[in-house]
Amino acid sequence: MGAIPRGQVSTYGGVARAAGLPGRARLVGRALRLAPGAMHLPWHRVVGAGGRIVFPPTSPAHREQIRRLEAEKVLVKNGRVNRDFMTTLEVR
């Protein structure tokens, strides 16, 4: 996840594939949820399929993810990241 450049996003599935775990997108979500805050992982750069922010629209996490992405100049509209900001990670 640290390989996602500032101003870019990847999907949970893309991160899983890059880690050599194709089909394990939910595992990526779990790892992000359980990772200690001291790791400072760029969790906000990971989105669902099609660039969708997966947190419920009224949740604080949804608002925080949008805030962080917009601070990096990532275009978010209607809870989705513009495809121009999607990146493909290198598979290990």
N, C-alpha and C. Protein backbone atom coordinates (compact mmCIF):
# COMPACT_ATOMS: atom_id res chain seq x y z
N MET A 1 0.81 -1.18 0.00
CA MET A 1 0.00 0.00 0.00
C MET A 1 0.86 1.24 0.00
N GLY A 2 2.03 1.15 0.60
CA GLY A 2 2.93 2.27 0.58
C GLY A 2 3.46 2.56 -0.82
N ALA A 3 3.25 1.64 -1.75
CA ALA A 3 3.72 1.82 -3.13
C ALA A 3 2.76 2.65 -3.97
N ILE A 4 1.61 2.99 -3.43
CA ILE A 4 0.65 3.81 -4.18
C ILE A 4 1.12 5.26 -4.06
N PRO A 5 1.47 5.87 -5.18
CA PRO A 5 2.00 7.24 -5.12
C PRO A 5 0.96 8.25 -4.65
N ARG A 6 1.44 9.30 -4.05
CA ARG A 6 0.58 10.42 -3.64
C ARG A 6 -0.17 10.91 -4.88
N GLY A 7 -1.47 11.16 -4.72
CA GLY A 7 -2.28 11.64 -5.82
C GLY A 7 -2.80 10.54 -6.73
N GLN A 8 -2.59 9.28 -6.35
CA GLN A 8 -3.07 8.14 -7.11
C GLN A 8 -3.82 7.20 -6.15
N VAL A 9 -4.64 6.32 -6.70
CA VAL A 9 -5.32 5.31 -5.89
C VAL A 9 -5.22 3.96 -6.58
N SER A 10 -5.43 2.92 -5.81
CA SER A 10 -5.53 1.57 -6.34
C SER A 10 -6.73 0.92 -5.67
N THR A 11 -7.17 -0.19 -6.21
CA THR A 11 -8.30 -0.91 -5.62
C THR A 11 -7.79 -1.93 -4.61
N TYR A 12 -8.69 -2.39 -3.77
CA TYR A 12 -8.35 -3.46 -2.83
C TYR A 12 -7.86 -4.68 -3.61
N GLY A 13 -8.54 -4.99 -4.71
CA GLY A 13 -8.14 -6.12 -5.55
C GLY A 13 -6.77 -5.91 -6.17
N GLY A 14 -6.48 -4.69 -6.58
CA GLY A 14 -5.17 -4.39 -7.17
C GLY A 14 -4.05 -4.55 -6.17
N VAL A 15 -4.29 -4.14 -4.93
CA VAL A 15 -3.29 -4.30 -3.88
C VAL A 15 -3.09 -5.79 -3.59
N ALA A 16 -4.19 -6.55 -3.55
CA ALA A 16 -4.09 -7.99 -3.31
C ALA A 16 -3.29 -8.68 -4.41
N ARG A 17 -3.55 -8.34 -5.67
CA ARG A 17 -2.80 -8.93 -6.79
C ARG A 17 -1.32 -8.58 -6.69
N ALA A 18 -1.02 -7.33 -6.37
CA ALA A 18 0.38 -6.89 -6.26
C ALA A 18 1.10 -7.63 -5.14
N ALA A 19 0.35 -8.02 -4.11
CA ALA A 19 0.94 -8.75 -2.99
C ALA A 19 1.03 -10.25 -3.26
N GLY A 20 0.60 -10.67 -4.46
CA GLY A 20 0.62 -12.09 -4.79
C GLY A 20 -0.55 -12.86 -4.23
N LEU A 21 -1.63 -12.14 -3.92
CA LEU A 21 -2.82 -12.76 -3.34
C LEU A 21 -4.06 -12.44 -4.16
N PRO A 22 -4.08 -12.83 -5.44
CA PRO A 22 -5.24 -12.50 -6.28
C PRO A 22 -6.53 -13.06 -5.68
N GLY A 23 -7.59 -12.27 -5.79
CA GLY A 23 -8.88 -12.71 -5.26
C GLY A 23 -9.05 -12.48 -3.77
N ARG A 24 -8.09 -11.83 -3.14
CA ARG A 24 -8.15 -11.64 -1.68
C ARG A 24 -8.32 -10.16 -1.30
N ALA A 25 -9.16 -9.45 -2.04
CA ALA A 25 -9.39 -8.02 -1.78
C ALA A 25 -9.87 -7.79 -0.35
N ARG A 26 -10.72 -8.66 0.14
CA ARG A 26 -11.24 -8.47 1.51
C ARG A 26 -10.14 -8.60 2.55
N LEU A 27 -9.15 -9.41 2.25
CA LEU A 27 -8.01 -9.54 3.16
C LEU A 27 -7.24 -8.22 3.26
N VAL A 28 -7.14 -7.52 2.15
CA VAL A 28 -6.49 -6.20 2.15
C VAL A 28 -7.26 -5.25 3.05
N GLY A 29 -8.58 -5.25 2.92
CA GLY A 29 -9.40 -4.40 3.78
C GLY A 29 -9.21 -4.73 5.25
N ARG A 30 -9.15 -6.01 5.54
CA ARG A 30 -8.95 -6.44 6.93
C ARG A 30 -7.58 -6.01 7.44
N ALA A 31 -6.55 -6.17 6.61
CA ALA A 31 -5.20 -5.76 7.00
C ALA A 31 -5.14 -4.27 7.28
N LEU A 32 -5.80 -3.47 6.46
CA LEU A 32 -5.83 -2.03 6.69
C LEU A 32 -6.55 -1.68 7.98
N ARG A 33 -7.64 -2.38 8.24
CA ARG A 33 -8.42 -2.12 9.45
C ARG A 33 -7.65 -2.48 10.71
N LEU A 34 -6.86 -3.54 10.65
CA LEU A 34 -6.15 -4.02 11.83
C LEU A 34 -4.75 -3.45 12.01
N ALA A 35 -4.23 -2.81 10.98
CA ALA A 35 -2.86 -2.27 11.05
C ALA A 35 -2.78 -1.17 12.11
N PRO A 36 -1.72 -1.18 12.90
CA PRO A 36 -1.55 -0.12 13.90
C PRO A 36 -1.41 1.25 13.23
N GLY A 37 -2.00 2.25 13.83
CA GLY A 37 -1.91 3.60 13.29
C GLY A 37 -0.48 4.09 13.14
N ALA A 38 0.41 3.57 13.98
CA ALA A 38 1.82 3.98 13.94
C ALA A 38 2.49 3.59 12.61
N MET A 39 1.86 2.69 11.85
CA MET A 39 2.43 2.30 10.55
C MET A 39 2.22 3.39 9.50
N HIS A 40 1.27 4.28 9.74
CA HIS A 40 0.99 5.40 8.82
C HIS A 40 0.76 4.93 7.39
N LEU A 41 -0.04 3.88 7.23
CA LEU A 41 -0.35 3.38 5.89
C LEU A 41 -1.29 4.34 5.18
N PRO A 42 -1.10 4.56 3.89
CA PRO A 42 -1.98 5.46 3.15
C PRO A 42 -3.30 4.79 2.78
N TRP A 43 -4.08 4.41 3.78
CA TRP A 43 -5.32 3.68 3.59
C TRP A 43 -6.29 4.41 2.68
N HIS A 44 -6.22 5.73 2.69
CA HIS A 44 -7.16 6.52 1.90
C HIS A 44 -6.93 6.38 0.40
N ARG A 45 -5.79 5.82 -0.01
CA ARG A 45 -5.48 5.63 -1.43
C ARG A 45 -5.99 4.29 -1.95
N VAL A 46 -6.71 3.55 -1.14
CA VAL A 46 -7.25 2.25 -1.55
C VAL A 46 -8.77 2.37 -1.62
N VAL A 47 -9.32 2.03 -2.78
CA VAL A 47 -10.76 2.16 -3.00
C VAL A 47 -11.33 0.84 -3.53
N GLY A 48 -12.63 0.77 -3.59
CA GLY A 48 -13.29 -0.42 -4.11
C GLY A 48 -13.24 -0.46 -5.63
N ALA A 49 -13.78 -1.52 -6.17
CA ALA A 49 -13.83 -1.70 -7.63
C ALA A 49 -14.50 -0.50 -8.28
N GLY A 50 -13.98 -0.09 -9.41
CA GLY A 50 -14.54 1.04 -10.12
C GLY A 50 -14.26 2.38 -9.47
N GLY A 51 -13.36 2.41 -8.48
CA GLY A 51 -13.00 3.66 -7.83
C GLY A 51 -13.95 4.10 -6.74
N ARG A 52 -14.82 3.20 -6.32
CA ARG A 52 -15.84 3.53 -5.32
C ARG A 52 -15.26 3.55 -3.90
N ILE A 53 -15.60 4.60 -3.16
CA ILE A 53 -15.27 4.64 -1.75
C ILE A 53 -16.23 3.70 -1.05
N VAL A 54 -15.68 2.75 -0.30
CA VAL A 54 -16.51 1.66 0.22
C VAL A 54 -17.20 1.98 1.55
N PHE A 55 -16.77 3.01 2.23
CA PHE A 55 -17.42 3.36 3.50
C PHE A 55 -18.80 3.95 3.22
N PRO A 56 -19.75 3.75 4.14
CA PRO A 56 -21.09 4.34 3.96
C PRO A 56 -20.97 5.86 3.79
N PRO A 57 -21.74 6.43 2.86
CA PRO A 57 -21.62 7.86 2.55
C PRO A 57 -21.78 8.81 3.73
N THR A 58 -22.51 8.42 4.76
CA THR A 58 -22.71 9.31 5.90
C THR A 58 -21.69 9.09 7.01
N SER A 59 -20.75 8.16 6.81
CA SER A 59 -19.80 7.83 7.87
C SER A 59 -18.63 8.82 7.94
N PRO A 60 -18.06 8.97 9.12
CA PRO A 60 -16.87 9.82 9.25
C PRO A 60 -15.71 9.31 8.38
N ALA A 61 -15.57 7.99 8.24
CA ALA A 61 -14.48 7.43 7.43
C ALA A 61 -14.63 7.83 5.96
N HIS A 62 -15.85 7.86 5.46
CA HIS A 62 -16.11 8.26 4.08
C HIS A 62 -15.68 9.72 3.87
N ARG A 63 -16.11 10.57 4.78
CA ARG A 63 -15.75 11.99 4.69
C ARG A 63 -14.25 12.19 4.81
N GLU A 64 -13.61 11.45 5.71
CA GLU A 64 -12.16 11.58 5.91
C GLU A 64 -11.39 11.10 4.68
N GLN A 65 -11.83 10.01 4.06
CA GLN A 65 -11.16 9.53 2.86
C GLN A 65 -11.26 10.55 1.73
N ILE A 66 -12.42 11.11 1.54
CA ILE A 66 -12.58 12.14 0.51
C ILE A 66 -11.69 13.35 0.84
N ARG A 67 -11.68 13.78 2.08
CA ARG A 67 -10.87 14.93 2.48
C ARG A 67 -9.39 14.69 2.16
N ARG A 68 -8.89 13.49 2.53
CA ARG A 68 -7.49 13.18 2.28
C ARG A 68 -7.17 13.08 0.79
N LEU A 69 -8.06 12.46 0.03
CA LEU A 69 -7.83 12.34 -1.41
C LEU A 69 -7.84 13.71 -2.08
N GLU A 70 -8.80 14.54 -1.73
CA GLU A 70 -8.87 15.87 -2.32
C GLU A 70 -7.66 16.71 -1.93
N ALA A 71 -7.11 16.49 -0.74
CA ALA A 71 -5.89 17.20 -0.33
C ALA A 71 -4.71 16.82 -1.22
N GLU A 72 -4.79 15.62 -1.83
CA GLU A 72 -3.76 15.15 -2.76
C GLU A 72 -4.15 15.45 -4.21
N LYS A 73 -5.18 16.27 -4.38
CA LYS A 73 -5.66 16.70 -5.70
C LYS A 73 -6.30 15.58 -6.52
N VAL A 74 -6.83 14.55 -5.83
CA VAL A 74 -7.55 13.46 -6.49
C VAL A 74 -9.00 13.89 -6.63
N LEU A 75 -9.54 13.77 -7.83
CA LEU A 75 -10.91 14.16 -8.10
C LEU A 75 -11.87 13.06 -7.64
N VAL A 76 -12.77 13.42 -6.72
CA VAL A 76 -13.78 12.50 -6.21
C VAL A 76 -15.14 13.12 -6.49
N LYS A 77 -16.01 12.35 -7.14
CA LYS A 77 -17.35 12.84 -7.46
C LYS A 77 -18.36 11.73 -7.19
N ASN A 78 -19.37 12.05 -6.42
CA ASN A 78 -20.42 11.09 -6.07
C ASN A 78 -19.85 9.81 -5.46
N GLY A 79 -18.84 9.96 -4.60
CA GLY A 79 -18.28 8.81 -3.91
C GLY A 79 -17.38 7.93 -4.75
N ARG A 80 -16.96 8.42 -5.92
CA ARG A 80 -16.07 7.66 -6.80
C ARG A 80 -14.88 8.51 -7.21
N VAL A 81 -13.75 7.84 -7.33
CA VAL A 81 -12.53 8.50 -7.79
C VAL A 81 -12.50 8.45 -9.31
N ASN A 82 -12.15 9.55 -9.93
CA ASN A 82 -12.01 9.62 -11.37
C ASN A 82 -10.95 8.62 -11.83
N ARG A 83 -11.24 7.90 -12.90
CA ARG A 83 -10.33 6.85 -13.41
C ARG A 83 -8.93 7.36 -13.73
N ASP A 84 -8.80 8.64 -14.02
CA ASP A 84 -7.48 9.20 -14.34
C ASP A 84 -6.51 9.08 -13.17
N PHE A 85 -7.03 8.87 -11.97
CA PHE A 85 -6.19 8.81 -10.78
C PHE A 85 -5.89 7.37 -10.33
N MET A 86 -6.42 6.40 -11.07
CA MET A 86 -6.20 4.98 -10.74
C MET A 86 -4.82 4.55 -11.25
N THR A 87 -4.13 3.75 -10.45
CA THR A 87 -2.83 3.24 -10.83
C THR A 87 -2.83 1.72 -10.71
N THR A 88 -1.97 1.08 -11.47
CA THR A 88 -1.79 -0.36 -11.38
C THR A 88 -0.47 -0.62 -10.68
N LEU A 89 -0.52 -1.42 -9.66
CA LEU A 89 0.68 -1.74 -8.90
C LEU A 89 1.43 -2.90 -9.53
N GLU A 90 2.71 -2.88 -9.38
CA GLU A 90 3.56 -3.96 -9.90
C GLU A 90 3.39 -5.22 -9.05
N VAL A 91 3.22 -6.35 -9.70
CA VAL A 91 3.07 -7.61 -8.98
C VAL A 91 4.43 -8.09 -8.52
N ARG A 92 4.50 -8.53 -7.27
CA ARG A 92 5.78 -9.00 -6.72
C ARG A 92 6.04 -10.43 -7.11
